N, C-alpha and C. Protein backbone atom coordinates (compact mmCIF):
# COMPACT_ATOMS: atom_id res chain seq x y z
N MET A 1 79.17 44.82 118.45
CA MET A 1 78.43 45.49 119.30
C MET A 1 76.96 45.50 118.83
N SER A 2 76.01 45.13 119.60
CA SER A 2 74.58 44.95 119.18
C SER A 2 73.96 46.33 119.35
N LYS A 3 72.70 46.49 118.55
CA LYS A 3 72.03 47.78 118.78
C LYS A 3 71.54 48.07 120.03
N ASN A 4 71.45 46.93 120.86
CA ASN A 4 71.03 47.33 122.29
C ASN A 4 72.15 47.93 122.99
N GLU A 5 73.44 47.87 122.67
CA GLU A 5 74.57 48.40 123.28
C GLU A 5 74.84 49.77 122.76
N LEU A 6 74.28 50.25 121.62
CA LEU A 6 74.58 51.54 120.98
C LEU A 6 73.87 52.68 121.74
N PRO A 7 74.45 53.84 121.78
CA PRO A 7 73.72 55.02 122.53
C PRO A 7 72.46 55.23 121.59
N ILE A 8 71.34 55.37 122.31
CA ILE A 8 70.04 55.71 121.69
C ILE A 8 70.19 56.98 120.85
N LYS A 9 70.99 57.99 121.15
CA LYS A 9 71.14 59.25 120.51
C LYS A 9 71.75 58.87 119.09
N SER A 10 72.63 57.95 119.03
CA SER A 10 73.38 57.61 117.73
C SER A 10 72.25 56.99 116.84
N LEU A 11 71.45 55.92 117.40
CA LEU A 11 70.34 55.48 116.53
C LEU A 11 69.42 56.32 116.28
N LYS A 12 68.92 57.35 116.91
CA LYS A 12 67.89 58.43 116.54
C LYS A 12 68.54 59.19 115.53
N LEU A 13 69.79 59.62 115.54
CA LEU A 13 70.37 60.50 114.42
C LEU A 13 70.61 59.67 113.26
N THR A 14 70.89 58.44 113.25
CA THR A 14 70.99 57.65 112.20
C THR A 14 69.50 57.47 111.43
N ALA A 15 68.54 57.33 112.31
CA ALA A 15 67.12 57.23 111.62
C ALA A 15 66.77 58.59 111.01
N ALA A 16 67.07 59.70 111.67
CA ALA A 16 66.70 60.90 111.16
C ALA A 16 67.48 61.22 109.71
N VAL A 17 68.60 60.58 109.72
CA VAL A 17 69.40 60.72 108.37
C VAL A 17 68.79 59.89 107.28
N TYR A 18 68.56 58.60 107.69
CA TYR A 18 68.09 57.62 106.72
C TYR A 18 66.75 58.11 106.20
N ALA A 19 65.95 58.64 107.12
CA ALA A 19 64.54 59.12 106.80
C ALA A 19 64.52 60.18 105.65
N THR A 20 65.73 60.83 105.37
CA THR A 20 65.80 61.73 104.24
C THR A 20 66.19 61.05 102.92
N GLY A 21 66.61 59.79 102.99
CA GLY A 21 66.92 59.11 101.80
C GLY A 21 65.65 58.74 100.91
N GLU A 22 66.07 58.96 99.65
CA GLU A 22 65.09 58.76 98.50
C GLU A 22 64.35 57.39 98.61
N GLY A 23 62.98 57.47 99.05
CA GLY A 23 62.15 56.09 98.98
C GLY A 23 62.44 55.21 100.35
N VAL A 24 63.31 55.65 101.22
CA VAL A 24 63.51 54.89 102.38
C VAL A 24 62.22 54.64 103.06
N VAL A 25 61.64 55.70 103.58
CA VAL A 25 60.44 55.55 104.41
C VAL A 25 59.42 54.83 103.83
N ASP A 26 59.01 55.04 102.45
CA ASP A 26 58.08 54.12 101.90
C ASP A 26 58.41 52.71 101.75
N TYR A 27 59.74 52.42 101.65
CA TYR A 27 60.12 51.16 101.66
C TYR A 27 59.92 50.39 103.03
N VAL A 28 60.39 51.19 104.12
CA VAL A 28 60.12 50.54 105.35
C VAL A 28 58.48 50.44 105.69
N LYS A 29 57.71 51.37 105.22
CA LYS A 29 56.25 51.18 105.35
C LYS A 29 55.77 49.94 104.78
N LYS A 30 56.32 49.58 103.45
CA LYS A 30 55.83 48.50 102.72
C LYS A 30 56.40 47.22 103.29
N HIS A 31 57.74 47.23 103.71
CA HIS A 31 58.47 45.86 103.94
C HIS A 31 58.73 45.71 105.43
N GLY A 32 58.57 46.85 106.19
CA GLY A 32 59.03 46.66 107.55
C GLY A 32 60.39 46.81 107.92
N VAL A 33 61.33 46.67 106.97
CA VAL A 33 62.71 46.84 107.31
C VAL A 33 63.40 47.81 106.35
N LEU A 34 64.56 48.11 106.63
CA LEU A 34 65.29 49.11 105.88
C LEU A 34 65.76 48.48 104.48
N PRO A 35 65.78 49.20 103.47
CA PRO A 35 66.29 48.60 102.11
C PRO A 35 67.56 48.09 102.32
N GLU A 36 67.95 47.05 101.42
CA GLU A 36 69.33 46.50 101.45
C GLU A 36 70.42 47.48 100.99
N LYS A 37 69.96 48.43 100.04
CA LYS A 37 70.93 49.40 99.42
C LYS A 37 70.17 50.75 99.57
N MET A 38 70.84 51.66 99.77
CA MET A 38 70.38 53.11 99.69
C MET A 38 71.37 54.13 99.32
N LYS A 39 70.99 55.05 98.67
CA LYS A 39 71.95 56.06 98.21
C LYS A 39 72.22 56.93 99.48
N SER A 40 73.65 57.20 99.72
CA SER A 40 73.98 57.76 100.96
C SER A 40 74.96 58.95 100.65
N GLY A 41 75.00 59.33 99.37
CA GLY A 41 75.80 60.45 98.95
C GLY A 41 75.66 61.71 99.71
N GLY A 42 74.50 62.08 100.07
CA GLY A 42 74.05 63.36 100.65
C GLY A 42 74.06 63.19 102.19
N PHE A 43 74.20 61.99 102.66
CA PHE A 43 74.03 61.86 104.20
C PHE A 43 74.94 62.64 105.05
N PRO A 44 76.25 62.83 104.75
CA PRO A 44 77.07 63.67 105.62
C PRO A 44 76.55 65.06 105.53
N HIS A 45 75.98 65.72 104.51
CA HIS A 45 75.43 67.12 104.55
C HIS A 45 74.25 67.02 105.47
N VAL A 46 73.21 66.10 105.22
CA VAL A 46 72.06 66.08 106.03
C VAL A 46 72.30 65.92 107.55
N PHE A 47 73.45 65.05 107.72
CA PHE A 47 73.73 64.93 109.28
C PHE A 47 74.13 66.27 109.84
N GLY A 48 75.03 66.87 109.15
CA GLY A 48 75.52 68.26 109.53
C GLY A 48 74.27 69.27 109.74
N HIS A 49 73.32 69.26 108.76
CA HIS A 49 72.19 70.03 109.00
C HIS A 49 71.31 69.80 110.14
N ILE A 50 71.11 68.47 110.37
CA ILE A 50 70.32 68.05 111.55
C ILE A 50 70.86 68.33 112.77
N LEU A 51 72.28 68.12 112.87
CA LEU A 51 73.02 68.33 114.06
C LEU A 51 73.01 69.79 114.42
N HIS A 52 73.22 70.65 113.27
CA HIS A 52 73.13 72.18 113.57
C HIS A 52 71.87 72.67 113.95
N THR A 53 70.71 72.13 113.41
CA THR A 53 69.47 72.77 113.58
C THR A 53 68.69 71.96 114.85
N ARG A 54 69.02 70.68 115.13
CA ARG A 54 68.21 70.08 116.19
C ARG A 54 69.04 69.57 117.17
N GLY A 55 70.25 69.53 117.16
CA GLY A 55 71.23 68.98 118.12
C GLY A 55 71.29 67.56 118.21
N ILE A 56 71.82 66.90 119.27
CA ILE A 56 72.09 65.47 119.27
C ILE A 56 71.01 64.71 120.13
N ASP A 57 70.14 65.38 120.77
CA ASP A 57 69.00 64.81 121.45
C ASP A 57 67.66 65.02 120.74
N LEU A 58 67.42 64.16 119.82
CA LEU A 58 66.37 64.44 118.87
C LEU A 58 65.00 63.99 119.39
N GLU A 59 63.90 64.64 119.14
CA GLU A 59 62.56 64.23 119.10
C GLU A 59 62.34 63.83 117.77
N LEU A 60 62.11 62.53 117.55
CA LEU A 60 61.85 62.13 116.09
C LEU A 60 60.59 62.51 115.46
N THR A 61 60.56 62.89 114.20
CA THR A 61 59.34 63.06 113.36
C THR A 61 58.54 61.70 113.12
N ASP A 62 57.47 61.79 112.69
CA ASP A 62 56.73 60.57 112.33
C ASP A 62 57.52 59.75 111.44
N ARG A 63 58.06 60.34 110.37
CA ARG A 63 58.89 59.63 109.37
C ARG A 63 60.09 59.04 109.87
N GLU A 64 60.72 59.84 110.70
CA GLU A 64 61.99 59.19 111.39
C GLU A 64 61.75 58.08 112.32
N GLN A 65 60.64 58.21 113.05
CA GLN A 65 60.17 57.13 113.94
C GLN A 65 60.08 55.79 113.26
N ILE A 66 59.45 55.82 112.11
CA ILE A 66 59.26 54.64 111.22
C ILE A 66 60.62 54.05 110.90
N VAL A 67 61.49 54.89 110.68
CA VAL A 67 62.94 54.44 110.28
C VAL A 67 63.61 53.81 111.56
N PHE A 68 63.41 54.56 112.63
CA PHE A 68 63.96 54.26 113.82
C PHE A 68 63.48 52.81 114.41
N ASP A 69 62.08 52.65 114.31
CA ASP A 69 61.43 51.36 114.62
C ASP A 69 62.01 50.18 113.74
N ALA A 70 62.34 50.49 112.57
CA ALA A 70 62.84 49.36 111.58
C ALA A 70 64.23 48.97 112.02
N ILE A 71 65.14 50.00 112.45
CA ILE A 71 66.37 49.89 113.05
C ILE A 71 66.21 49.01 114.24
N MET A 72 65.34 49.32 115.27
CA MET A 72 65.30 48.59 116.41
C MET A 72 64.81 47.22 116.22
N ARG A 73 64.11 46.90 115.21
CA ARG A 73 63.68 45.49 114.80
C ARG A 73 64.85 44.86 114.29
N GLY A 74 65.97 45.41 114.10
CA GLY A 74 67.23 44.55 113.67
C GLY A 74 67.50 44.85 112.23
N SER A 75 66.92 45.75 111.51
CA SER A 75 67.37 45.96 110.16
C SER A 75 68.90 46.33 110.04
N PRO A 76 69.56 45.77 109.07
CA PRO A 76 70.86 46.16 109.01
C PRO A 76 70.98 47.71 108.61
N MET A 77 71.92 48.30 109.08
CA MET A 77 72.13 49.90 108.84
C MET A 77 73.13 49.87 107.66
N THR A 78 72.72 49.67 106.45
CA THR A 78 73.59 49.48 105.26
C THR A 78 74.11 50.73 104.86
N GLY A 79 73.51 51.84 105.23
CA GLY A 79 73.94 53.27 104.90
C GLY A 79 75.04 53.77 105.84
N GLY A 80 75.46 52.93 106.87
CA GLY A 80 76.50 53.36 107.82
C GLY A 80 75.64 53.81 109.14
N MET A 81 76.30 54.42 110.08
CA MET A 81 75.51 54.93 111.15
C MET A 81 76.19 56.22 111.65
N VAL A 82 75.37 56.95 112.43
CA VAL A 82 75.90 58.14 113.10
C VAL A 82 76.46 57.59 114.49
N ASN A 83 77.71 58.01 115.00
CA ASN A 83 78.15 57.64 116.16
C ASN A 83 78.46 58.87 117.19
N VAL A 84 77.53 58.98 117.98
CA VAL A 84 77.62 60.12 119.04
C VAL A 84 78.53 59.79 120.10
N ILE A 85 79.59 60.69 120.27
CA ILE A 85 80.41 60.49 121.34
C ILE A 85 80.46 61.94 122.10
N GLU A 86 79.76 61.76 123.22
CA GLU A 86 79.35 62.97 124.07
C GLU A 86 80.43 63.44 124.82
N GLU A 87 81.34 62.60 125.33
CA GLU A 87 82.45 62.92 126.20
C GLU A 87 83.71 62.43 125.77
N PHE A 88 84.70 63.20 125.56
CA PHE A 88 85.93 62.75 125.04
C PHE A 88 87.02 62.97 126.21
N GLU A 89 87.75 61.85 126.61
CA GLU A 89 88.74 62.09 127.64
C GLU A 89 90.10 62.00 126.96
N GLU A 90 90.84 63.10 127.08
CA GLU A 90 92.16 63.24 126.60
C GLU A 90 93.09 62.51 127.36
N ASP A 91 94.02 61.62 126.55
CA ASP A 91 95.06 60.95 127.46
C ASP A 91 96.27 61.78 127.28
N GLU A 92 97.29 61.40 127.84
CA GLU A 92 98.50 62.14 127.81
C GLU A 92 99.04 62.40 126.47
N ASP A 93 98.98 61.46 125.46
CA ASP A 93 99.39 61.60 124.06
C ASP A 93 98.63 62.59 123.41
N THR A 94 97.17 62.43 123.55
CA THR A 94 96.36 63.51 122.96
C THR A 94 96.48 64.77 123.28
N ALA A 95 96.57 65.10 124.62
CA ALA A 95 96.80 66.37 125.11
C ALA A 95 98.04 67.08 124.73
N ASN A 96 99.07 66.10 124.37
CA ASN A 96 100.42 66.73 123.96
C ASN A 96 100.49 67.00 122.39
N GLY A 97 99.29 66.57 121.72
CA GLY A 97 99.22 66.70 120.33
C GLY A 97 99.94 65.64 119.51
N GLU A 98 100.19 64.51 120.20
CA GLU A 98 100.99 63.41 119.58
C GLU A 98 100.22 62.44 118.66
N VAL A 99 99.05 62.46 118.76
CA VAL A 99 98.03 61.55 118.05
C VAL A 99 97.38 62.25 117.04
């Protein structure tokens, strides 16, 4: 799946999380792309905080926009990505608790 096929909300949340990573924004400013490696140990906590305080339809900060632009230019998302699933359709097995 290409970045053009991913939900924009997923990419924005990913950018918001990445922007909190140590040195990530400075690296993108200098090189125009995301770093090949980044520490992602705190990302799950950061994601939870962003989701709780800002929701899934983000207006990006300036720092987050820098990271988002790098993602849209094709930078690999080496720290993983946030996947927003807005609607979940239960099938018969799920509804019966079998999955």
